[in-house]
N, C-alpha and C. Protein backbone atom coordinates (compact mmCIF):
# COMPACT_ATOMS: atom_id res chain seq x y z
N MET A 1 90.53 229.48 279.39
CA MET A 1 90.52 228.24 280.13
C MET A 1 90.07 227.13 279.19
N PHE A 2 90.82 226.05 279.16
CA PHE A 2 90.46 224.92 278.30
C PHE A 2 90.25 223.64 279.09
N ALA A 3 90.59 223.64 280.38
CA ALA A 3 90.36 222.50 281.27
C ALA A 3 90.33 223.04 282.70
N CYS A 4 89.70 222.29 283.58
CA CYS A 4 89.55 222.76 284.95
C CYS A 4 89.56 221.57 285.90
N ILE A 5 90.34 221.67 286.96
CA ILE A 5 90.38 220.61 287.96
C ILE A 5 89.94 221.21 289.28
N GLY A 6 88.92 220.59 289.89
CA GLY A 6 88.39 221.11 291.14
C GLY A 6 88.90 220.36 292.35
N MET A 7 88.33 220.64 293.49
CA MET A 7 88.75 220.03 294.74
C MET A 7 88.52 218.52 294.74
N ALA A 8 87.43 218.04 294.15
CA ALA A 8 87.13 216.60 294.15
C ALA A 8 88.16 215.84 293.33
N SER A 9 88.68 216.46 292.29
CA SER A 9 89.71 215.89 291.44
C SER A 9 89.39 214.48 290.95
N ASP A 10 88.14 214.27 290.56
CA ASP A 10 87.73 212.97 290.05
C ASP A 10 87.52 212.97 288.54
N GLY A 11 87.86 214.07 287.92
CA GLY A 11 87.73 214.20 286.47
C GLY A 11 88.11 215.60 286.06
N VAL A 12 87.99 215.85 284.76
CA VAL A 12 88.38 217.16 284.23
C VAL A 12 87.34 217.63 283.22
N PRO A 13 86.77 218.83 283.42
CA PRO A 13 85.90 219.41 282.41
C PRO A 13 86.73 219.91 281.23
N VAL A 14 86.27 219.60 280.02
CA VAL A 14 86.92 220.03 278.79
C VAL A 14 85.87 220.51 277.79
N LYS A 15 86.29 221.38 276.90
CA LYS A 15 85.39 221.90 275.86
C LYS A 15 85.37 220.96 274.67
N THR A 16 84.20 220.81 274.07
CA THR A 16 84.06 220.03 272.84
C THR A 16 83.71 220.99 271.70
N PRO A 17 83.83 220.53 270.46
CA PRO A 17 83.53 221.43 269.33
C PRO A 17 82.09 221.94 269.30
N SER A 18 81.15 221.17 269.86
CA SER A 18 79.76 221.60 269.79
C SER A 18 78.92 220.90 270.86
N ILE A 19 77.71 221.41 271.06
CA ILE A 19 76.76 220.78 271.97
C ILE A 19 76.43 219.37 271.47
N GLU A 20 76.34 219.20 270.16
CA GLU A 20 76.03 217.89 269.59
C GLU A 20 77.13 216.88 269.90
N ASP A 21 78.39 217.30 269.77
CA ASP A 21 79.51 216.41 270.11
C ASP A 21 79.44 216.02 271.58
N ALA A 22 79.19 216.98 272.43
CA ALA A 22 79.09 216.70 273.86
C ALA A 22 77.96 215.73 274.14
N SER A 23 76.81 215.94 273.52
CA SER A 23 75.66 215.05 273.72
C SER A 23 75.97 213.62 273.28
N LEU A 24 76.66 213.50 272.16
CA LEU A 24 77.01 212.17 271.65
C LEU A 24 77.95 211.45 272.62
N LEU A 25 78.94 212.14 273.12
CA LEU A 25 79.88 211.52 274.06
C LEU A 25 79.20 211.15 275.37
N ILE A 26 78.22 211.95 275.79
CA ILE A 26 77.45 211.62 276.99
C ILE A 26 76.61 210.37 276.73
N GLU A 27 75.95 210.31 275.58
CA GLU A 27 75.15 209.12 275.21
C GLU A 27 76.01 207.87 275.14
N MET A 28 77.25 208.01 274.70
CA MET A 28 78.16 206.87 274.58
C MET A 28 78.80 206.52 275.93
N ALA A 29 78.45 207.26 276.98
CA ALA A 29 78.98 207.07 278.33
C ALA A 29 80.50 207.27 278.40
N ARG A 30 81.03 208.14 277.56
CA ARG A 30 82.46 208.47 277.58
C ARG A 30 82.73 209.66 278.51
N ALA A 31 81.66 210.38 278.89
CA ALA A 31 81.79 211.54 279.75
C ALA A 31 80.41 211.89 280.28
N GLU A 32 80.36 212.92 281.11
CA GLU A 32 79.07 213.41 281.60
C GLU A 32 79.05 214.93 281.47
N LYS A 33 77.86 215.52 281.65
CA LYS A 33 77.74 216.97 281.56
C LYS A 33 78.61 217.59 282.65
N ALA A 34 79.34 218.61 282.29
CA ALA A 34 80.18 219.32 283.26
C ALA A 34 79.30 220.30 284.03
N PRO A 35 79.17 220.10 285.35
CA PRO A 35 78.34 221.02 286.14
C PRO A 35 78.89 222.45 286.05
N CYS A 36 77.99 223.41 285.96
CA CYS A 36 78.33 224.84 285.97
C CYS A 36 79.04 225.32 284.70
N PHE A 37 79.07 224.51 283.65
CA PHE A 37 79.69 224.90 282.39
C PHE A 37 78.63 224.87 281.28
N HIS A 38 78.94 225.52 280.17
CA HIS A 38 78.09 225.50 278.99
C HIS A 38 77.89 224.06 278.54
N ARG A 39 76.82 223.80 277.81
CA ARG A 39 76.50 222.43 277.36
C ARG A 39 77.53 221.84 276.40
N SER A 40 78.43 222.65 275.86
CA SER A 40 79.47 222.11 274.99
C SER A 40 80.67 221.60 275.79
N TRP A 41 80.59 221.69 277.12
CA TRP A 41 81.66 221.19 277.99
C TRP A 41 81.25 219.84 278.58
N LEU A 42 82.24 218.97 278.77
CA LEU A 42 82.03 217.66 279.37
C LEU A 42 82.94 217.50 280.57
N ARG A 43 82.56 216.62 281.46
CA ARG A 43 83.45 216.21 282.54
C ARG A 43 83.87 214.78 282.25
N VAL A 44 85.16 214.59 282.05
CA VAL A 44 85.72 213.27 281.73
C VAL A 44 86.36 212.72 283.00
N ASP A 45 85.92 211.52 283.41
CA ASP A 45 86.49 210.88 284.60
C ASP A 45 87.93 210.46 284.34
N TRP A 46 88.74 210.49 285.40
CA TRP A 46 90.14 210.09 285.28
C TRP A 46 90.28 208.60 285.00
N ASP A 47 89.58 207.78 285.77
CA ASP A 47 89.85 206.34 285.76
C ASP A 47 89.30 205.54 284.58
N PRO A 48 88.01 205.63 284.27
CA PRO A 48 87.51 204.73 283.22
C PRO A 48 87.93 205.09 281.80
N VAL A 49 88.46 206.27 281.60
CA VAL A 49 88.83 206.71 280.26
C VAL A 49 90.32 206.45 280.05
N PRO A 50 90.68 205.77 278.95
CA PRO A 50 92.11 205.53 278.68
C PRO A 50 92.90 206.84 278.60
N ALA A 51 94.15 206.78 279.02
CA ALA A 51 95.01 207.97 279.08
C ALA A 51 95.12 208.67 277.73
N ASP A 52 95.23 207.89 276.64
CA ASP A 52 95.38 208.53 275.32
C ASP A 52 94.11 209.28 274.92
N GLU A 53 92.95 208.75 275.29
CA GLU A 53 91.69 209.44 274.99
C GLU A 53 91.58 210.72 275.82
N LEU A 54 91.97 210.64 277.09
CA LEU A 54 91.93 211.81 277.95
C LEU A 54 92.87 212.90 277.42
N ARG A 55 94.08 212.52 277.01
CA ARG A 55 95.02 213.49 276.42
C ARG A 55 94.42 214.13 275.18
N ASP A 56 93.75 213.33 274.35
CA ASP A 56 93.13 213.85 273.13
C ASP A 56 92.02 214.84 273.46
N ARG A 57 91.20 214.54 274.46
CA ARG A 57 90.11 215.45 274.85
C ARG A 57 90.67 216.78 275.35
N ILE A 58 91.73 216.72 276.15
CA ILE A 58 92.33 217.95 276.68
C ILE A 58 92.98 218.75 275.55
N ALA A 59 93.69 218.07 274.65
CA ALA A 59 94.33 218.76 273.51
C ALA A 59 93.28 219.39 272.60
N THR A 60 92.19 218.68 272.35
CA THR A 60 91.11 219.22 271.52
C THR A 60 90.52 220.46 272.17
N SER A 61 90.28 220.39 273.48
CA SER A 61 89.74 221.54 274.20
C SER A 61 90.69 222.73 274.09
N HIS A 62 91.97 222.49 274.26
CA HIS A 62 92.97 223.56 274.13
C HIS A 62 92.90 224.19 272.74
N ASP A 63 92.87 223.35 271.72
CA ASP A 63 92.85 223.86 270.34
C ASP A 63 91.61 224.70 270.06
N ILE A 64 90.45 224.27 270.57
CA ILE A 64 89.20 225.01 270.36
C ILE A 64 89.31 226.39 271.00
N VAL A 65 89.76 226.43 272.24
CA VAL A 65 89.87 227.70 272.96
C VAL A 65 90.95 228.59 272.32
N PHE A 66 92.09 228.00 271.96
CA PHE A 66 93.18 228.75 271.34
C PHE A 66 92.73 229.42 270.04
N ARG A 67 91.98 228.68 269.20
CA ARG A 67 91.50 229.25 267.93
C ARG A 67 90.54 230.41 268.14
N GLY A 68 89.91 230.47 269.30
CA GLY A 68 88.98 231.56 269.60
C GLY A 68 89.64 232.84 270.07
N LEU A 69 90.94 232.77 270.33
CA LEU A 69 91.68 233.96 270.78
C LEU A 69 92.03 234.86 269.60
N THR A 70 92.33 236.11 269.91
CA THR A 70 92.78 237.02 268.86
C THR A 70 94.15 236.55 268.35
N ARG A 71 94.51 236.96 267.17
CA ARG A 71 95.83 236.59 266.62
C ARG A 71 96.96 237.12 267.49
N LYS A 72 96.76 238.30 268.05
CA LYS A 72 97.78 238.87 268.92
C LYS A 72 97.99 237.98 270.14
N MET A 73 96.89 237.56 270.76
CA MET A 73 96.99 236.70 271.93
C MET A 73 97.59 235.35 271.57
N GLN A 74 97.19 234.80 270.42
CA GLN A 74 97.77 233.53 269.96
C GLN A 74 99.28 233.66 269.81
N ALA A 75 99.73 234.78 269.24
CA ALA A 75 101.17 234.99 269.03
C ALA A 75 101.89 235.10 270.37
N GLU A 76 101.27 235.76 271.34
CA GLU A 76 101.88 235.90 272.66
C GLU A 76 102.03 234.55 273.35
N ILE A 77 101.02 233.71 273.20
CA ILE A 77 101.04 232.39 273.84
C ILE A 77 101.95 231.44 273.09
N GLY A 78 101.89 231.48 271.76
CA GLY A 78 102.68 230.58 270.93
C GLY A 78 101.95 229.27 270.70
N ALA A 79 102.45 228.51 269.76
CA ALA A 79 101.84 227.22 269.43
C ALA A 79 102.25 226.19 270.45
N ARG A 80 101.42 225.16 270.57
CA ARG A 80 101.80 224.08 271.53
C ARG A 80 102.65 223.06 270.86
């Protein structure tokens, strides 16, 4: 899982490269801590964040999770 949309649908939790990256983005008010997720995950609101930044956060999250998979699983899924 690299992103998650819940019933409230007011944002999307995404993975960041590290807890430090997540903390920095929270301090910059670009996102907030994602409830019920590890501290390296953020919840990015739909509205105040520009669409290109949101796409980049989701793509980054996908890449982080994809790199953590086994080579066999990566081959089965394929590149994006």
